[in-house]
C-alpha atoms as a PDB file:
ATOM      1  CA  UNK A   1     -54.257  86.274  70.993  1.00  0.00           C
ATOM      2  CA  UNK A   2     -54.968  87.905  73.516  1.00  0.00           C
ATOM      3  CA  UNK A   3     -52.190  89.357  76.091  1.00  0.00           C
ATOM      4  CA  UNK A   4     -53.299  89.937  79.387  1.00  0.00           C
ATOM      5  CA  UNK A   5     -52.023  93.249  80.988  1.00  0.00           C
ATOM      6  CA  UNK A   6     -53.145  93.614  84.113  1.00  0.00           C
ATOM      7  CA  UNK A   7     -53.261  90.565  85.645  1.00  0.00           C
ATOM      8  CA  UNK A   8     -54.409  91.653  88.683  1.00  0.00           C
ATOM      9  CA  UNK A   9     -58.205  92.488  86.898  1.00  0.00           C
ATOM     10  CA  UNK A  10     -57.756  90.188  84.146  1.00  0.00           C
ATOM     11  CA  UNK A  11     -57.302  92.872  81.151  1.00  0.00           C
ATOM     12  CA  UNK A  12     -57.197  91.584  78.690  1.00  0.00           C
ATOM     13  CA  UNK A  13     -55.911  93.273  74.519  1.00  0.00           C
ATOM     14  CA  UNK A  14     -56.144  92.125  71.551  1.00  0.00           C
ATOM     15  CA  UNK A  15     -53.426  91.349  69.301  1.00  0.00           C
ATOM     16  CA  UNK A  16     -53.930  91.881  65.881  1.00  0.00           C
ATOM     17  CA  UNK A  17     -51.026  91.539  62.459  1.00  0.00           C
ATOM     18  CA  UNK A  18     -52.903  93.362  59.636  1.00  0.00           C
ATOM     19  CA  UNK A  19     -52.436  95.031  56.705  1.00  0.00           C
ATOM     20  CA  UNK A  20     -56.294  96.734  56.837  1.00  0.00           C
ATOM     21  CA  UNK A  21     -55.531 101.063  55.627  1.00  0.00           C
ATOM     22  CA  UNK A  22     -57.926 101.907  59.043  1.00  0.00           C
ATOM     23  CA  UNK A  23     -55.905 101.086  61.074  1.00  0.00           C
ATOM     24  CA  UNK A  24     -52.533 101.519  59.307  1.00  0.00           C
ATOM     25  CA  UNK A  25     -50.700 102.204  56.629  1.00  0.00           C
ATOM     26  CA  UNK A  26     -47.135 101.796  55.581  1.00  0.00           C
ATOM     27  CA  UNK A  27     -46.789 104.762  53.443  1.00  0.00           C
ATOM     28  CA  UNK A  28     -43.523 106.667  51.477  1.00  0.00           C
ATOM     29  CA  UNK A  29     -43.423 109.872  52.397  1.00  0.00           C
ATOM     30  CA  UNK A  30     -42.507 108.732  56.558  1.00  0.00           C
ATOM     31  CA  UNK A  31     -46.670 109.185  57.824  1.00  0.00           C
ATOM     32  CA  UNK A  32     -46.452 104.993  57.700  1.00  0.00           C
ATOM     33  CA  UNK A  33     -49.189 104.221  61.209  1.00  0.00           C
ATOM     34  CA  UNK A  34     -46.850 100.514  62.153  1.00  0.00           C
ATOM     35  CA  UNK A  35     -48.921 100.020  65.126  1.00  0.00           C
ATOM     36  CA  UNK A  36     -52.841 100.878  67.117  1.00  0.00           C
ATOM     37  CA  UNK A  37     -54.014 101.525  70.459  1.00  0.00           C
ATOM     38  CA  UNK A  38     -57.972 100.485  70.089  1.00  0.00           C
ATOM     39  CA  UNK A  39     -59.098 101.482  74.458  1.00  0.00           C
ATOM     40  CA  UNK A  40     -62.498 101.098  73.768  1.00  0.00           C
ATOM     41  CA  UNK A  41     -62.021  98.060  72.485  1.00  0.00           C
ATOM     42  CA  UNK A  42     -58.885  96.671  74.217  1.00  0.00           C
ATOM     43  CA  UNK A  43     -57.040  95.262  71.006  1.00  0.00           C
ATOM     44  CA  UNK A  44     -54.400  96.625  69.391  1.00  0.00           C
ATOM     45  CA  UNK A  45     -53.370  96.736  66.028  1.00  0.00           C
ATOM     46  CA  UNK A  46     -50.038  96.150  64.796  1.00  0.00           C
ATOM     47  CA  UNK A  47     -48.770  96.317  60.506  1.00  0.00           C
ATOM     48  CA  UNK A  48     -48.436  92.359  59.302  1.00  0.00           C
ATOM     49  CA  UNK A  49     -45.932  93.480  57.234  1.00  0.00           C
ATOM     50  CA  UNK A  50     -43.502  94.175  59.774  1.00  0.00           C
ATOM     51  CA  UNK A  51     -39.430  92.569  60.818  1.00  0.00           C
ATOM     52  CA  UNK A  52     -39.098  91.515  63.887  1.00  0.00           C
ATOM     53  CA  UNK A  53     -36.816  94.431  65.516  1.00  0.00           C
ATOM     54  CA  UNK A  54     -40.205  97.029  64.038  1.00  0.00           C
ATOM     55  CA  UNK A  55     -42.493  94.588  65.669  1.00  0.00           C
ATOM     56  CA  UNK A  56     -41.650  94.731  68.796  1.00  0.00           C
ATOM     57  CA  UNK A  57     -41.110  98.350  68.498  1.00  0.00           C
ATOM     58  CA  UNK A  58     -43.912  99.430  67.610  1.00  0.00           C
ATOM     59  CA  UNK A  59     -46.001  96.016  70.059  1.00  0.00           C
ATOM     60  CA  UNK A  60     -44.263  97.759  73.122  1.00  0.00           C
ATOM     61  CA  UNK A  61     -45.579 101.500  72.238  1.00  0.00           C
ATOM     62  CA  UNK A  62     -48.809 100.394  71.774  1.00  0.00           C
ATOM     63  CA  UNK A  63     -48.746  98.103  75.507  1.00  0.00           C
ATOM     64  CA  UNK A  64     -46.680 101.523  76.452  1.00  0.00           C
ATOM     65  CA  UNK A  65     -50.216 103.469  75.350  1.00  0.00           C
ATOM     66  CA  UNK A  66     -52.788 100.327  76.305  1.00  0.00           C
ATOM     67  CA  UNK A  67     -50.975 100.366  80.492  1.00  0.00           C
ATOM     68  CA  UNK A  68     -51.150 104.006  80.345  1.00  0.00           C
ATOM     69  CA  UNK A  69     -54.580 103.938  79.216  1.00  0.00           C
ATOM     70  CA  UNK A  70     -56.384 100.820  81.257  1.00  0.00           C
ATOM     71  CA  UNK A  71     -54.006 102.638  85.216  1.00  0.00           C
ATOM     72  CA  UNK A  72     -55.906 105.912  84.954  1.00  0.00           C
ATOM     73  CA  UNK A  73     -52.636 108.144  83.862  1.00  0.00           C
ATOM     74  CA  UNK A  74     -54.231 109.814  80.016  1.00  0.00           C
ATOM     75  CA  UNK A  75     -53.439 113.721  80.538  1.00  0.00           C
ATOM     76  CA  UNK A  76     -52.084 115.954  78.144  1.00  0.00           C
ATOM     77  CA  UNK A  77     -48.195 116.498  79.395  1.00  0.00           C
ATOM     78  CA  UNK A  78     -45.815 114.629  81.601  1.00  0.00           C
ATOM     79  CA  UNK A  79     -42.943 115.894  83.824  1.00  0.00           C
ATOM     80  CA  UNK A  80     -39.732 113.610  83.169  1.00  0.00           C
ATOM     81  CA  UNK A  81     -39.536 112.645  86.441  1.00  0.00           C
ATOM     82  CA  UNK A  82     -43.330 110.720  85.756  1.00  0.00           C
ATOM     83  CA  UNK A  83     -42.566 109.465  82.160  1.00  0.00           C
ATOM     84  CA  UNK A  84     -40.345 107.380  84.652  1.00  0.00           C
ATOM     85  CA  UNK A  85     -41.793 106.238  86.875  1.00  0.00           C
ATOM     86  CA  UNK A  86     -43.716 105.164  84.092  1.00  0.00           C
ATOM     87  CA  UNK A  87     -41.138 103.035  82.148  1.00  0.00           C
ATOM     88  CA  UNK A  88     -39.474 102.147  85.361  1.00  0.00           C
ATOM     89  CA  UNK A  89     -42.748 100.030  87.004  1.00  0.00           C
ATOM     90  CA  UNK A  90     -43.924  99.036  83.314  1.00  0.00           C
ATOM     91  CA  UNK A  91     -41.242  98.233  81.837  1.00  0.00           C
ATOM     92  CA  UNK A  92     -40.488  93.948  82.705  1.00  0.00           C
ATOM     93  CA  UNK A  93     -44.752  93.606  81.919  1.00  0.00           C
ATOM     94  CA  UNK A  94     -44.345  95.784  78.501  1.00  0.00           C
ATOM     95  CA  UNK A  95     -40.937  92.819  78.218  1.00  0.00           C
ATOM     96  CA  UNK A  96     -42.748  90.089  79.515  1.00  0.00           C
ATOM     97  CA  UNK A  97     -45.941  90.508  76.606  1.00  0.00           C
ATOM     98  CA  UNK A  98     -43.653  91.351  73.821  1.00  0.00           C
ATOM     99  CA  UNK A  99     -41.552  88.697  74.357  1.00  0.00           C
ATOM    100  CA  UNK A 100     -44.168  85.931  75.213  1.00  0.00           C
ATOM    101  CA  UNK A 101     -46.383  87.232  71.810  1.00  0.00           C
ATOM    102  CA  UNK A 102     -43.268  87.193  69.912  1.00  0.00           C
ATOM    103  CA  UNK A 103     -42.356  83.583  70.565  1.00  0.00           C
ATOM    104  CA  UNK A 104     -45.642  82.500  70.621  1.00  0.00           C
ATOM    105  CA  UNK A 105     -44.877  80.576  67.018  1.00  0.00           C
ATOM    106  CA  UNK A 106     -41.739  79.525  68.308  1.00  0.00           C
END
């Protein structure tokens, strides 16, 4: 499924649920990678065995990576104000996209 994260510029990211260890892993030592944002190919990978709360949290996290990249906010560090601005600006968009994704099968 594709999610359009920038409707003005029609930027879409494909969401892929997989257990391919090249993208996601579940381990017992706490080093799990539940999701991955591949900005170069506009893909977000989610581990296919996530329960709904974990899937929502992971997708929100990976969408924030996509938004930071696509809107040119990428840098080494952010001030508290910049983080709050990013959250305040994009939280509703991320919530809407996550709802669109998780409700696709209903």
